[in-house]
């Protein structure tokens, strides 16, 4: 499922990565990190995909830069970043963007004439 629209403006943190072979606790940490992120005021949601070659993109959505900063300094997130550098990732990039426009399409809400 794709995150639906949020009140504008907001911020998106785009995390693009290439995984190293093996799980080594990665899946469990990823689940725990999402649970913790959801507890931070200003977290709006996240979308994440990964292909069979290990290339992944996670976009998390935040109300403010201050909320992003709280997440950046969260104890479990810091631990996860250290493990990522040590053994989970071959490479990664992080980009932070301000979202001022968005559009969401969902085929299940199309009217009979095909226009949503």
PDB file of N, CA and C in Angstrom:
ATOM      1  N   UNK A   1       0.838  -1.174   0.000  1.00  0.00           N
ATOM      2  CA  UNK A   1       0.000   0.000   0.000  1.00  0.00           C
ATOM      3  C   UNK A   1       0.887   1.242   0.000  1.00  0.00           C
ATOM      4  N   UNK A   2       0.480   2.220  -0.726  1.00  0.00           N
ATOM      5  CA  UNK A   2       1.209   3.485  -0.826  1.00  0.00           C
ATOM      6  C   UNK A   2       0.604   4.479   0.165  1.00  0.00           C
ATOM      7  N   UNK A   3       1.455   5.244   0.840  1.00  0.00           N
ATOM      8  CA  UNK A   3       0.956   6.282   1.736  1.00  0.00           C
ATOM      9  C   UNK A   3       0.102   7.257   0.948  1.00  0.00           C
ATOM     10  N   UNK A   4      -1.006   7.644   1.540  1.00  0.00           N
ATOM     11  CA  UNK A   4      -1.909   8.582   0.871  1.00  0.00           C
ATOM     12  C   UNK A   4      -1.444  10.011   1.122  1.00  0.00           C
ATOM     13  N   UNK A   5      -2.223  10.961   0.677  1.00  0.00           N
ATOM     14  CA  UNK A   5      -1.817  12.364   0.741  1.00  0.00           C
ATOM     15  C   UNK A   5      -1.802  12.885   2.177  1.00  0.00           C
ATOM     16  N   UNK A   6      -0.932  13.846   2.399  1.00  0.00           N
ATOM     17  CA  UNK A   6      -0.801  14.495   3.694  1.00  0.00           C
ATOM     18  C   UNK A   6      -1.033  15.988   3.506  1.00  0.00           C
ATOM     19  N   UNK A   7      -1.307  16.677   4.600  1.00  0.00           N
ATOM     20  CA  UNK A   7      -1.458  18.128   4.544  1.00  0.00           C
ATOM     21  C   UNK A   7      -0.123  18.746   4.139  1.00  0.00           C
ATOM     22  N   UNK A   8      -0.170  19.616   3.159  1.00  0.00           N
ATOM     23  CA  UNK A   8       1.034  20.278   2.653  1.00  0.00           C
ATOM     24  C   UNK A   8       1.350  21.527   3.460  1.00  0.00           C
ATOM     25  N   UNK A   9       2.601  21.940   3.510  1.00  0.00           N
ATOM     26  CA  UNK A   9       3.782  21.209   3.078  1.00  0.00           C
ATOM     27  C   UNK A   9       4.219  20.220   4.155  1.00  0.00           C
ATOM     28  N   UNK A  10       5.061  19.299   3.772  1.00  0.00           N
ATOM     29  CA  UNK A  10       5.688  18.363   4.694  1.00  0.00           C
ATOM     30  C   UNK A  10       7.043  17.988   4.112  1.00  0.00           C
ATOM     31  N   UNK A  11       7.759  17.105   4.773  1.00  0.00           N
ATOM     32  CA  UNK A  11       9.105  16.740   4.326  1.00  0.00           C
ATOM     33  C   UNK A  11       9.180  15.247   4.037  1.00  0.00           C
ATOM     34  N   UNK A  12      10.010  14.910   3.069  1.00  0.00           N
ATOM     35  CA  UNK A  12      10.264  13.513   2.722  1.00  0.00           C
ATOM     36  C   UNK A  12      11.752  13.235   2.895  1.00  0.00           C
ATOM     37  N   UNK A  13      12.053  12.145   3.577  1.00  0.00           N
ATOM     38  CA  UNK A  13      13.428  11.668   3.699  1.00  0.00           C
ATOM     39  C   UNK A  13      13.534  10.457   2.778  1.00  0.00           C
ATOM     40  N   UNK A  14      14.388  10.563   1.773  1.00  0.00           N
ATOM     41  CA  UNK A  14      14.555   9.500   0.784  1.00  0.00           C
ATOM     42  C   UNK A  14      15.853   8.766   1.090  1.00  0.00           C
ATOM     43  N   UNK A  15      15.719   7.499   1.452  1.00  0.00           N
ATOM     44  CA  UNK A  15      16.863   6.655   1.795  1.00  0.00           C
ATOM     45  C   UNK A  15      16.990   5.592   0.708  1.00  0.00           C
ATOM     46  N   UNK A  16      18.044   5.690  -0.088  1.00  0.00           N
ATOM     47  CA  UNK A  16      18.299   4.746  -1.172  1.00  0.00           C
ATOM     48  C   UNK A  16      19.511   3.918  -0.777  1.00  0.00           C
ATOM     49  N   UNK A  17      19.401   2.595  -0.919  1.00  0.00           N
ATOM     50  CA  UNK A  17      20.484   1.745  -0.424  1.00  0.00           C
ATOM     51  C   UNK A  17      20.694   0.509  -1.283  1.00  0.00           C
ATOM     52  N   UNK A  18      21.899  -0.034  -1.147  1.00  0.00           N
ATOM     53  CA  UNK A  18      22.213  -1.349  -1.693  1.00  0.00           C
ATOM     54  C   UNK A  18      22.621  -2.227  -0.521  1.00  0.00           C
ATOM     55  N   UNK A  19      21.864  -3.295  -0.296  1.00  0.00           N
ATOM     56  CA  UNK A  19      22.120  -4.201   0.826  1.00  0.00           C
ATOM     57  C   UNK A  19      23.330  -5.078   0.582  1.00  0.00           C
ATOM     58  N   UNK A  20      24.004  -5.419   1.667  1.00  0.00           N
ATOM     59  CA  UNK A  20      25.038  -6.450   1.660  1.00  0.00           C
ATOM     60  C   UNK A  20      24.336  -7.803   1.739  1.00  0.00           C
ATOM     61  N   UNK A  21      24.994  -8.883   1.298  1.00  0.00           N
ATOM     62  CA  UNK A  21      24.376 -10.211   1.397  1.00  0.00           C
ATOM     63  C   UNK A  21      24.132 -10.611   2.858  1.00  0.00           C
ATOM     64  N   UNK A  22      23.053 -11.346   3.107  1.00  0.00           N
ATOM     65  CA  UNK A  22      22.738 -11.842   4.445  1.00  0.00           C
ATOM     66  C   UNK A  22      21.867 -10.887   5.229  1.00  0.00           C
ATOM     67  N   UNK A  23      21.063 -11.432   6.144  1.00  0.00           N
ATOM     68  CA  UNK A  23      20.135 -10.605   6.921  1.00  0.00           C
ATOM     69  C   UNK A  23      20.786 -10.028   8.171  1.00  0.00           C
ATOM     70  N   UNK A  24      21.427 -10.864   8.975  1.00  0.00           N
ATOM     71  CA  UNK A  24      22.141 -10.435  10.184  1.00  0.00           C
ATOM     72  C   UNK A  24      21.307  -9.526  11.088  1.00  0.00           C
ATOM     73  N   UNK A  25      20.005  -9.828  11.215  1.00  0.00           N
ATOM     74  CA  UNK A  25      19.133  -9.041  12.079  1.00  0.00           C
ATOM     75  C   UNK A  25      18.522  -7.821  11.420  1.00  0.00           C
ATOM     76  N   UNK A  26      18.766  -7.620  10.136  1.00  0.00           N
ATOM     77  CA  UNK A  26      18.281  -6.429   9.433  1.00  0.00           C
ATOM     78  C   UNK A  26      16.759  -6.339   9.450  1.00  0.00           C
ATOM     79  N   UNK A  27      16.079  -7.431   9.098  1.00  0.00           N
ATOM     80  CA  UNK A  27      14.612  -7.406   8.997  1.00  0.00           C
ATOM     81  C   UNK A  27      13.964  -7.040  10.323  1.00  0.00           C
ATOM     82  N   UNK A  28      14.463  -7.620  11.398  1.00  0.00           N
ATOM     83  CA  UNK A  28      13.923  -7.317  12.723  1.00  0.00           C
ATOM     84  C   UNK A  28      14.166  -5.854  13.088  1.00  0.00           C
ATOM     85  N   UNK A  29      15.367  -5.362  12.812  1.00  0.00           N
ATOM     86  CA  UNK A  29      15.674  -3.962  13.107  1.00  0.00           C
ATOM     87  C   UNK A  29      14.779  -3.033  12.292  1.00  0.00           C
ATOM     88  N   UNK A  30      14.568  -3.339  11.018  1.00  0.00           N
ATOM     89  CA  UNK A  30      13.720  -2.492  10.171  1.00  0.00           C
ATOM     90  C   UNK A  30      12.308  -2.399  10.745  1.00  0.00           C
ATOM     91  N   UNK A  31      11.761  -3.514  11.206  1.00  0.00           N
ATOM     92  CA  UNK A  31      10.425  -3.509  11.819  1.00  0.00           C
ATOM     93  C   UNK A  31      10.416  -2.681  13.096  1.00  0.00           C
ATOM     94  N   UNK A  32      11.430  -2.869  13.926  1.00  0.00           N
ATOM     95  CA  UNK A  32      11.508  -2.119  15.185  1.00  0.00           C
ATOM     96  C   UNK A  32      11.688  -0.625  14.950  1.00  0.00           C
ATOM     97  N   UNK A  33      12.452  -0.267  13.938  1.00  0.00           N
ATOM     98  CA  UNK A  33      12.655   1.151  13.630  1.00  0.00           C
ATOM     99  C   UNK A  33      11.350   1.809  13.203  1.00  0.00           C
ATOM    100  N   UNK A  34      10.552   1.123  12.405  1.00  0.00           N
ATOM    101  CA  UNK A  34       9.267   1.685  11.986  1.00  0.00           C
ATOM    102  C   UNK A  34       8.351   1.881  13.193  1.00  0.00           C
ATOM    103  N   UNK A  35       8.327   0.913  14.088  1.00  0.00           N
ATOM    104  CA  UNK A  35       7.518   1.034  15.307  1.00  0.00           C
ATOM    105  C   UNK A  35       7.946   2.263  16.109  1.00  0.00           C
ATOM    106  N   UNK A  36       9.243   2.478  16.237  1.00  0.00           N
ATOM    107  CA  UNK A  36       9.750   3.630  16.989  1.00  0.00           C
ATOM    108  C   UNK A  36       9.480   4.945  16.262  1.00  0.00           C
ATOM    109  N   UNK A  37       9.639   4.954  14.944  1.00  0.00           N
ATOM    110  CA  UNK A  37       9.377   6.178  14.169  1.00  0.00           C
ATOM    111  C   UNK A  37       7.926   6.612  14.337  1.00  0.00           C
ATOM    112  N   UNK A  38       7.015   5.647  14.362  1.00  0.00           N
ATOM    113  CA  UNK A  38       5.589   5.957  14.510  1.00  0.00           C
ATOM    114  C   UNK A  38       5.276   6.647  15.830  1.00  0.00           C
ATOM    115  N   UNK A  39       6.140   6.519  16.810  1.00  0.00           N
ATOM    116  CA  UNK A  39       5.941   7.144  18.125  1.00  0.00           C
ATOM    117  C   UNK A  39       6.369   8.611  18.146  1.00  0.00           C
ATOM    118  N   UNK A  40       7.098   9.041  17.138  1.00  0.00           N
ATOM    119  CA  UNK A  40       7.610  10.411  17.124  1.00  0.00           C
ATOM    120  C   UNK A  40       6.548  11.351  16.561  1.00  0.00           C
ATOM    121  N   UNK A  41       6.249  12.400  17.327  1.00  0.00           N
ATOM    122  CA  UNK A  41       5.287  13.387  16.854  1.00  0.00           C
ATOM    123  C   UNK A  41       5.821  14.016  15.574  1.00  0.00           C
ATOM    124  N   UNK A  42       4.996  14.008  14.548  1.00  0.00           N
ATOM    125  CA  UNK A  42       5.411  14.559  13.265  1.00  0.00           C
ATOM    126  C   UNK A  42       5.727  13.501  12.225  1.00  0.00           C
ATOM    127  N   UNK A  43       5.790  12.228  12.616  1.00  0.00           N
ATOM    128  CA  UNK A  43       5.958  11.149  11.637  1.00  0.00           C
ATOM    129  C   UNK A  43       4.622  10.919  10.960  1.00  0.00           C
ATOM    130  N   UNK A  44       4.618  10.926   9.628  1.00  0.00           N
ATOM    131  CA  UNK A  44       3.373  10.792   8.875  1.00  0.00           C
ATOM    132  C   UNK A  44       3.197   9.414   8.248  1.00  0.00           C
ATOM    133  N   UNK A  45       4.287   8.754   7.903  1.00  0.00           N
ATOM    134  CA  UNK A  45       4.195   7.445   7.263  1.00  0.00           C
ATOM    135  C   UNK A  45       5.459   7.151   6.485  1.00  0.00           C
ATOM    136  N   UNK A  46       5.446   6.002   5.785  1.00  0.00           N
ATOM    137  CA  UNK A  46       6.619   5.607   5.005  1.00  0.00           C
ATOM    138  C   UNK A  46       6.213   4.640   3.904  1.00  0.00           C
ATOM    139  N   UNK A  47       6.963   4.663   2.821  1.00  0.00           N
ATOM    140  CA  UNK A  47       6.838   3.713   1.718  1.00  0.00           C
ATOM    141  C   UNK A  47       8.214   3.109   1.496  1.00  0.00           C
ATOM    142  N   UNK A  48       8.261   1.802   1.233  1.00  0.00           N
ATOM    143  CA  UNK A  48       9.553   1.147   1.066  1.00  0.00           C
ATOM    144  C   UNK A  48       9.463   0.025   0.040  1.00  0.00           C
ATOM    145  N   UNK A  49      10.479  -0.068  -0.815  1.00  0.00           N
ATOM    146  CA  UNK A  49      10.581  -1.146  -1.805  1.00  0.00           C
ATOM    147  C   UNK A  49      12.035  -1.599  -1.893  1.00  0.00           C
ATOM    148  N   UNK A  50      12.221  -2.882  -2.282  1.00  0.00           N
ATOM    149  CA  UNK A  50      13.564  -3.409  -2.505  1.00  0.00           C
ATOM    150  C   UNK A  50      13.473  -4.431  -3.623  1.00  0.00           C
ATOM    151  N   UNK A  51      14.421  -4.388  -4.564  1.00  0.00           N
ATOM    152  CA  UNK A  51      14.399  -5.350  -5.664  1.00  0.00           C
ATOM    153  C   UNK A  51      15.220  -6.593  -5.315  1.00  0.00           C
ATOM    154  N   UNK A  52      15.234  -7.551  -6.218  1.00  0.00           N
ATOM    155  CA  UNK A  52      15.918  -8.823  -5.965  1.00  0.00           C
ATOM    156  C   UNK A  52      17.436  -8.683  -5.917  1.00  0.00           C
ATOM    157  N   UNK A  53      17.966  -7.566  -6.396  1.00  0.00           N
ATOM    158  CA  UNK A  53      19.413  -7.329  -6.363  1.00  0.00           C
ATOM    159  C   UNK A  53      19.851  -6.617  -5.086  1.00  0.00           C
ATOM    160  N   UNK A  54      18.872  -6.267  -4.232  1.00  0.00           N
ATOM    161  CA  UNK A  54      19.204  -5.615  -2.971  1.00  0.00           C
ATOM    162  C   UNK A  54      19.155  -4.103  -2.997  1.00  0.00           C
ATOM    163  N   UNK A  55      18.733  -3.519  -4.129  1.00  0.00           N
ATOM    164  CA  UNK A  55      18.594  -2.062  -4.203  1.00  0.00           C
ATOM    165  C   UNK A  55      17.233  -1.683  -3.617  1.00  0.00           C
ATOM    166  N   UNK A  56      17.232  -0.767  -2.662  1.00  0.00           N
ATOM    167  CA  UNK A  56      15.987  -0.381  -2.015  1.00  0.00           C
ATOM    168  C   UNK A  56      15.840   1.118  -1.890  1.00  0.00           C
ATOM    169  N   UNK A  57      14.590   1.540  -1.795  1.00  0.00           N
ATOM    170  CA  UNK A  57      14.270   2.949  -1.556  1.00  0.00           C
ATOM    171  C   UNK A  57      13.192   2.998  -0.485  1.00  0.00           C
ATOM    172  N   UNK A  58      13.468   3.737   0.564  1.00  0.00           N
ATOM    173  CA  UNK A  58      12.473   4.001   1.596  1.00  0.00           C
ATOM    174  C   UNK A  58      12.285   5.509   1.663  1.00  0.00           C
ATOM    175  N   UNK A  59      11.031   5.929   1.603  1.00  0.00           N
ATOM    176  CA  UNK A  59      10.701   7.342   1.743  1.00  0.00           C
ATOM    177  C   UNK A  59       9.853   7.473   3.003  1.00  0.00           C
ATOM    178  N   UNK A  60      10.356   8.229   3.965  1.00  0.00           N
ATOM    179  CA  UNK A  60       9.563   8.508   5.165  1.00  0.00           C
ATOM    180  C   UNK A  60       9.093   9.952   5.092  1.00  0.00           C
ATOM    181  N   UNK A  61       7.902  10.184   5.638  1.00  0.00           N
ATOM    182  CA  UNK A  61       7.245  11.486   5.527  1.00  0.00           C
ATOM    183  C   UNK A  61       7.109  12.095   6.917  1.00  0.00           C
ATOM    184  N   UNK A  62       7.432  13.379   7.002  1.00  0.00           N
ATOM    185  CA  UNK A  62       7.509  14.066   8.289  1.00  0.00           C
ATOM    186  C   UNK A  62       6.872  15.443   8.192  1.00  0.00           C
ATOM    187  N   UNK A  63       6.234  15.866   9.274  1.00  0.00           N
ATOM    188  CA  UNK A  63       5.585  17.178   9.316  1.00  0.00           C
ATOM    189  C   UNK A  63       6.617  18.306   9.327  1.00  0.00           C
ATOM    190  N   UNK A  64       7.716  18.141  10.068  1.00  0.00           N
ATOM    191  CA  UNK A  64       8.690  19.224  10.238  1.00  0.00           C
ATOM    192  C   UNK A  64      10.123  18.701  10.181  1.00  0.00           C
ATOM    193  N   UNK A  65      11.047  19.622   9.968  1.00  0.00           N
ATOM    194  CA  UNK A  65      12.466  19.273  10.040  1.00  0.00           C
ATOM    195  C   UNK A  65      12.863  18.896  11.466  1.00  0.00           C
ATOM    196  N   UNK A  66      12.190  19.494  12.453  1.00  0.00           N
ATOM    197  CA  UNK A  66      12.475  19.164  13.849  1.00  0.00           C
ATOM    198  C   UNK A  66      12.125  17.700  14.144  1.00  0.00           C
ATOM    199  N   UNK A  67      11.030  17.216  13.573  1.00  0.00           N
ATOM    200  CA  UNK A  67      10.651  15.807  13.756  1.00  0.00           C
ATOM    201  C   UNK A  67      11.700  14.890  13.125  1.00  0.00           C
ATOM    202  N   UNK A  68      12.200  15.278  11.963  1.00  0.00           N
ATOM    203  CA  UNK A  68      13.264  14.503  11.309  1.00  0.00           C
ATOM    204  C   UNK A  68      14.503  14.475  12.198  1.00  0.00           C
ATOM    205  N   UNK A  69      14.818  15.610  12.794  1.00  0.00           N
ATOM    206  CA  UNK A  69      15.991  15.689  13.667  1.00  0.00           C
ATOM    207  C   UNK A  69      15.830  14.787  14.893  1.00  0.00           C
ATOM    208  N   UNK A  70      14.614  14.728  15.460  1.00  0.00           N
ATOM    209  CA  UNK A  70      14.369  13.822  16.586  1.00  0.00           C
ATOM    210  C   UNK A  70      14.620  12.380  16.159  1.00  0.00           C
ATOM    211  N   UNK A  71      14.168  12.034  14.961  1.00  0.00           N
ATOM    212  CA  UNK A  71      14.384  10.680  14.459  1.00  0.00           C
ATOM    213  C   UNK A  71      15.869  10.412  14.221  1.00  0.00           C
ATOM    214  N   UNK A  72      16.543  11.391  13.653  1.00  0.00           N
ATOM    215  CA  UNK A  72      17.977  11.252  13.381  1.00  0.00           C
ATOM    216  C   UNK A  72      18.752  10.945  14.660  1.00  0.00           C
ATOM    217  N   UNK A  73      18.312  11.500  15.778  1.00  0.00           N
ATOM    218  CA  UNK A  73      19.017  11.348  17.048  1.00  0.00           C
ATOM    219  C   UNK A  73      18.402  10.300  17.972  1.00  0.00           C
ATOM    220  N   UNK A  74      17.419   9.557  17.499  1.00  0.00           N
ATOM    221  CA  UNK A  74      16.781   8.499  18.292  1.00  0.00           C
ATOM    222  C   UNK A  74      17.796   7.377  18.545  1.00  0.00           C
ATOM    223  N   UNK A  75      17.836   6.883  19.760  1.00  0.00           N
ATOM    224  CA  UNK A  75      18.835   5.887  20.163  1.00  0.00           C
ATOM    225  C   UNK A  75      18.835   4.646  19.270  1.00  0.00           C
ATOM    226  N   UNK A  76      17.670   4.072  19.002  1.00  0.00           N
ATOM    227  CA  UNK A  76      17.617   2.867  18.175  1.00  0.00           C
ATOM    228  C   UNK A  76      18.016   3.171  16.733  1.00  0.00           C
ATOM    229  N   UNK A  77      17.650   4.345  16.247  1.00  0.00           N
ATOM    230  CA  UNK A  77      18.029   4.733  14.891  1.00  0.00           C
ATOM    231  C   UNK A  77      19.551   4.882  14.782  1.00  0.00           C
ATOM    232  N   UNK A  78      20.163   5.460  15.779  1.00  0.00           N
ATOM    233  CA  UNK A  78      21.630   5.581  15.793  1.00  0.00           C
ATOM    234  C   UNK A  78      22.268   4.198  15.770  1.00  0.00           C
ATOM    235  N   UNK A  79      21.726   3.271  16.562  1.00  0.00           N
ATOM    236  CA  UNK A  79      22.234   1.894  16.566  1.00  0.00           C
ATOM    237  C   UNK A  79      22.067   1.260  15.180  1.00  0.00           C
ATOM    238  N   UNK A  80      20.913   1.473  14.569  1.00  0.00           N
ATOM    239  CA  UNK A  80      20.667   0.937  13.232  1.00  0.00           C
ATOM    240  C   UNK A  80      21.617   1.504  12.193  1.00  0.00           C
ATOM    241  N   UNK A  81      21.907   2.796  12.289  1.00  0.00           N
ATOM    242  CA  UNK A  81      22.848   3.413  11.342  1.00  0.00           C
ATOM    243  C   UNK A  81      24.243   2.804  11.484  1.00  0.00           C
ATOM    244  N   UNK A  82      24.652   2.568  12.722  1.00  0.00           N
ATOM    245  CA  UNK A  82      25.971   1.950  12.944  1.00  0.00           C
ATOM    246  C   UNK A  82      26.027   0.547  12.347  1.00  0.00           C
ATOM    247  N   UNK A  83      24.965  -0.230  12.558  1.00  0.00           N
ATOM    248  CA  UNK A  83      24.919  -1.589  11.998  1.00  0.00           C
ATOM    249  C   UNK A  83      24.863  -1.545  10.471  1.00  0.00           C
ATOM    250  N   UNK A  84      24.173  -0.555   9.936  1.00  0.00           N
ATOM    251  CA  UNK A  84      24.107  -0.406   8.482  1.00  0.00           C
ATOM    252  C   UNK A  84      25.479  -0.207   7.876  1.00  0.00           C
ATOM    253  N   UNK A  85      26.262   0.652   8.482  1.00  0.00           N
ATOM    254  CA  UNK A  85      27.621   0.912   7.993  1.00  0.00           C
ATOM    255  C   UNK A  85      28.502  -0.315   8.203  1.00  0.00           C
ATOM    256  N   UNK A  86      28.336  -0.970   9.346  1.00  0.00           N
ATOM    257  CA  UNK A  86      29.189  -2.109   9.692  1.00  0.00           C
ATOM    258  C   UNK A  86      28.916  -3.337   8.822  1.00  0.00           C
ATOM    259  N   UNK A  87      27.616  -3.658   8.565  1.00  0.00           N
ATOM    260  CA  UNK A  87      27.380  -4.910   7.857  1.00  0.00           C
ATOM    261  C   UNK A  87      26.153  -4.987   6.965  1.00  0.00           C
ATOM    262  N   UNK A  88      25.225  -4.055   6.977  1.00  0.00           N
ATOM    263  CA  UNK A  88      23.998  -4.215   6.206  1.00  0.00           C
ATOM    264  C   UNK A  88      24.031  -3.595   4.821  1.00  0.00           C
ATOM    265  N   UNK A  89      24.834  -2.561   4.621  1.00  0.00           N
ATOM    266  CA  UNK A  89      24.797  -1.830   3.353  1.00  0.00           C
ATOM    267  C   UNK A  89      26.144  -1.800   2.654  1.00  0.00           C
ATOM    268  N   UNK A  90      26.082  -1.924   1.336  1.00  0.00           N
ATOM    269  CA  UNK A  90      27.245  -1.674   0.488  1.00  0.00           C
ATOM    270  C   UNK A  90      27.396  -0.167   0.281  1.00  0.00           C
ATOM    271  N   UNK A  91      26.261   0.493   0.106  1.00  0.00           N
ATOM    272  CA  UNK A  91      26.245   1.955  -0.042  1.00  0.00           C
ATOM    273  C   UNK A  91      24.830   2.456   0.215  1.00  0.00           C
ATOM    274  N   UNK A  92      24.738   3.744   0.557  1.00  0.00           N
ATOM    275  CA  UNK A  92      23.417   4.358   0.699  1.00  0.00           C
ATOM    276  C   UNK A  92      23.524   5.864   0.530  1.00  0.00           C
ATOM    277  N   UNK A  93      22.369   6.479   0.276  1.00  0.00           N
ATOM    278  CA  UNK A  93      22.289   7.940   0.231  1.00  0.00           C
ATOM    279  C   UNK A  93      21.018   8.365   0.960  1.00  0.00           C
ATOM    280  N   UNK A  94      21.063   9.577   1.496  1.00  0.00           N
ATOM    281  CA  UNK A  94      19.915  10.159   2.186  1.00  0.00           C
ATOM    282  C   UNK A  94      19.677  11.543   1.603  1.00  0.00           C
ATOM    283  N   UNK A  95      18.431  11.795   1.237  1.00  0.00           N
ATOM    284  CA  UNK A  95      18.044  13.107   0.719  1.00  0.00           C
ATOM    285  C   UNK A  95      16.810  13.577   1.483  1.00  0.00           C
ATOM    286  N   UNK A  96      16.770  14.859   1.812  1.00  0.00           N
ATOM    287  CA  UNK A  96      15.616  15.433   2.496  1.00  0.00           C
ATOM    288  C   UNK A  96      15.022  16.499   1.591  1.00  0.00           C
ATOM    289  N   UNK A  97      13.720  16.385   1.354  1.00  0.00           N
ATOM    290  CA  UNK A  97      13.032  17.288   0.425  1.00  0.00           C
ATOM    291  C   UNK A  97      11.792  17.876   1.090  1.00  0.00           C
ATOM    292  N   UNK A  98      11.465  19.093   0.726  1.00  0.00           N
ATOM    293  CA  UNK A  98      10.209  19.698   1.154  1.00  0.00           C
ATOM    294  C   UNK A  98       9.171  19.412   0.075  1.00  0.00           C
ATOM    295  N   UNK A  99       8.048  18.837   0.478  1.00  0.00           N
ATOM    296  CA  UNK A  99       6.981  18.499  -0.465  1.00  0.00           C
ATOM    297  C   UNK A  99       5.955  19.624  -0.452  1.00  0.00           C
ATOM    298  N   UNK A 100       5.782  20.248  -1.605  1.00  0.00           N
ATOM    299  CA  UNK A 100       4.834  21.349  -1.728  1.00  0.00           C
ATOM    300  C   UNK A 100       3.671  21.017  -2.649  1.00  0.00           C
ATOM    301  N   UNK A 101       3.774  19.893  -3.357  1.00  0.00           N
ATOM    302  CA  UNK A 101       2.701  19.445  -4.248  1.00  0.00           C
ATOM    303  C   UNK A 101       2.706  17.929  -4.264  1.00  0.00           C
ATOM    304  N   UNK A 102       1.522  17.350  -4.356  1.00  0.00           N
ATOM    305  CA  UNK A 102       1.413  15.904  -4.499  1.00  0.00           C
ATOM    306  C   UNK A 102       0.103  15.564  -5.190  1.00  0.00           C
ATOM    307  N   UNK A 103       0.060  14.388  -5.752  1.00  0.00           N
ATOM    308  CA  UNK A 103      -1.154  13.873  -6.365  1.00  0.00           C
ATOM    309  C   UNK A 103      -1.195  12.386  -6.084  1.00  0.00           C
ATOM    310  N   UNK A 104      -2.363  11.868  -5.778  1.00  0.00           N
ATOM    311  CA  UNK A 104      -2.530  10.451  -5.485  1.00  0.00           C
ATOM    312  C   UNK A 104      -3.614   9.890  -6.388  1.00  0.00           C
ATOM    313  N   UNK A 105      -3.342   8.759  -7.021  1.00  0.00           N
ATOM    314  CA  UNK A 105      -4.303   8.070  -7.875  1.00  0.00           C
ATOM    315  C   UNK A 105      -4.578   6.697  -7.293  1.00  0.00           C
ATOM    316  N   UNK A 106      -5.843   6.302  -7.308  1.00  0.00           N
ATOM    317  CA  UNK A 106      -6.231   4.970  -6.856  1.00  0.00           C
ATOM    318  C   UNK A 106      -7.311   4.458  -7.793  1.00  0.00           C
ATOM    319  N   UNK A 107      -7.039   3.372  -8.516  1.00  0.00           N
ATOM    320  CA  UNK A 107      -7.969   2.880  -9.536  1.00  0.00           C
ATOM    321  C   UNK A 107      -9.305   2.451  -8.957  1.00  0.00           C
ATOM    322  N   UNK A 108      -9.329   2.021  -7.705  1.00  0.00           N
ATOM    323  CA  UNK A 108     -10.585   1.553  -7.113  1.00  0.00           C
ATOM    324  C   UNK A 108     -11.584   2.676  -6.876  1.00  0.00           C
ATOM    325  N   UNK A 109     -11.154   3.926  -7.004  1.00  0.00           N
ATOM    326  CA  UNK A 109     -12.085   5.042  -6.807  1.00  0.00           C
ATOM    327  C   UNK A 109     -12.464   5.716  -8.124  1.00  0.00           C
ATOM    328  N   UNK A 110     -12.133   5.075  -9.247  1.00  0.00           N
ATOM    329  CA  UNK A 110     -12.524   5.631 -10.539  1.00  0.00           C
ATOM    330  C   UNK A 110     -14.036   5.584 -10.702  1.00  0.00           C
ATOM    331  N   UNK A 111     -14.567   6.612 -11.298  1.00  0.00           N
ATOM    332  CA  UNK A 111     -15.987   6.634 -11.631  1.00  0.00           C
ATOM    333  C   UNK A 111     -16.194   5.776 -12.879  1.00  0.00           C
ATOM    334  N   UNK A 112     -17.423   5.382 -13.166  1.00  0.00           N
ATOM    335  CA  UNK A 112     -17.682   4.537 -14.340  1.00  0.00           C
ATOM    336  C   UNK A 112     -17.137   5.094 -15.652  1.00  0.00           C
ATOM    337  N   UNK A 113     -16.999   6.417 -15.746  1.00  0.00           N
ATOM    338  CA  UNK A 113     -16.488   7.004 -16.989  1.00  0.00           C
ATOM    339  C   UNK A 113     -14.962   6.975 -17.054  1.00  0.00           C
ATOM    340  N   UNK A 114     -14.317   6.421 -16.005  1.00  0.00           N
ATOM    341  CA  UNK A 114     -12.864   6.308 -15.996  1.00  0.00           C
ATOM    342  C   UNK A 114     -12.154   7.540 -15.475  1.00  0.00           C
ATOM    343  N   UNK A 115     -12.907   8.521 -15.010  1.00  0.00           N
ATOM    344  CA  UNK A 115     -12.308   9.754 -14.491  1.00  0.00           C
ATOM    345  C   UNK A 115     -12.526   9.791 -12.986  1.00  0.00           C
ATOM    346  N   UNK A 116     -11.423   9.934 -12.246  1.00  0.00           N
ATOM    347  CA  UNK A 116     -11.494   9.927 -10.780  1.00  0.00           C
ATOM    348  C   UNK A 116     -11.980  11.215 -10.212  1.00  0.00           C
TER     349      UNK A 116
END
